[in-house]
Amino acid sequence: IDSGLDIDSLALVSKVVNSLRGETSFLIVTHYNRILDYVKPDFVHILIDGKIVKSGDHKLAEEVEKRGYNWL
């Protein structure tokens, strides 16, 4: 969803996603935390080798941003 988007486009896409929350579900796959500045997920799942190794809320994504994946 955030691949190649400039900051203005990312804000616009995020606004639409946030406006539809509660009406539908979204699966956001990202390697960058930038979109999470605009959209706070209810659930975060970390996949390694195709398996969920950790689940949590948006704070888990913040922890990965700080510490990387090696601690998982």
Protein backbone atom coordinates (compact mmCIF):
# COMPACT_ATOMS: atom_id res chain seq x y z
CA ILE A 1 0.00 0.00 0.00
CA ASP A 2 2.86 2.41 0.74
CA SER A 3 5.27 1.27 -1.96
CA GLY A 4 6.47 4.25 -3.93
CA LEU A 5 3.98 6.73 -2.49
CA ASP A 6 5.17 10.25 -1.78
CA ILE A 7 4.20 11.78 1.56
CA ASP A 8 1.10 13.57 0.21
CA SER A 9 -0.20 10.42 -1.49
CA LEU A 10 0.48 8.35 1.62
CA ALA A 11 -1.55 10.82 3.70
CA LEU A 12 -4.42 10.66 1.20
CA VAL A 13 -4.46 6.84 1.06
CA SER A 14 -4.32 6.70 4.86
CA LYS A 15 -7.23 9.11 5.13
CA VAL A 16 -9.36 6.83 2.96
CA VAL A 17 -8.33 3.73 4.92
CA ASN A 18 -9.15 5.44 8.21
CA SER A 19 -12.53 6.64 6.89
CA LEU A 20 -13.50 3.04 6.07
CA ARG A 21 -12.43 1.54 9.39
CA GLY A 22 -15.26 -0.25 11.11
CA GLU A 23 -17.00 -0.90 7.81
CA THR A 24 -14.42 -3.26 6.37
CA SER A 25 -11.13 -4.95 7.14
CA PHE A 26 -7.74 -4.17 5.66
CA LEU A 27 -4.59 -6.20 5.37
CA ILE A 28 -1.63 -3.87 5.20
CA VAL A 29 1.67 -5.49 4.29
CA THR A 30 4.64 -3.21 4.77
CA HIS A 31 8.34 -3.27 5.52
CA TYR A 32 8.34 0.36 6.61
CA ASN A 33 6.79 1.93 9.67
CA ARG A 34 5.96 5.18 7.86
CA ILE A 35 2.34 4.27 7.08
CA LEU A 36 1.79 3.49 10.75
CA ASP A 37 2.22 7.19 11.48
CA TYR A 38 -1.13 7.61 9.72
CA VAL A 39 -2.97 4.31 10.28
CA LYS A 40 -2.87 2.66 13.72
CA PRO A 41 -3.53 -1.05 13.23
CA ASP A 42 -5.64 -3.07 15.64
CA PHE A 43 -3.39 -6.09 15.15
CA VAL A 44 0.23 -6.53 14.05
CA HIS A 45 1.58 -9.91 13.03
CA ILE A 46 5.27 -10.53 12.37
CA LEU A 47 6.00 -13.26 9.83
CA ILE A 48 9.35 -14.96 9.45
CA ASP A 49 9.74 -17.74 6.89
CA GLY A 50 5.99 -17.70 6.29
CA LYS A 51 5.05 -18.26 9.94
CA ILE A 52 3.60 -15.82 12.46
CA VAL A 53 6.25 -15.53 15.17
CA LYS A 54 4.76 -12.67 17.19
CA SER A 55 1.46 -10.80 17.37
CA GLY A 56 0.44 -7.63 19.14
CA ASP A 57 -0.92 -4.15 18.62
CA HIS A 58 0.71 -1.12 16.98
CA LYS A 59 3.32 -1.04 19.75
CA LEU A 60 4.82 -4.25 18.35
CA ALA A 61 5.53 -2.46 15.07
CA GLU A 62 7.17 0.38 17.00
CA GLU A 63 9.35 -2.14 18.85
CA VAL A 64 10.48 -3.75 15.59
CA GLU A 65 11.28 -0.30 14.20
CA LYS A 66 13.57 0.33 17.20
CA ARG A 67 15.12 -3.12 17.61
CA GLY A 68 14.91 -4.79 14.21
CA TYR A 69 13.93 -8.42 13.78
CA ASN A 70 16.89 -10.19 15.40
CA TRP A 71 15.30 -10.21 18.87
CA LEU A 72 12.29 -12.19 17.68
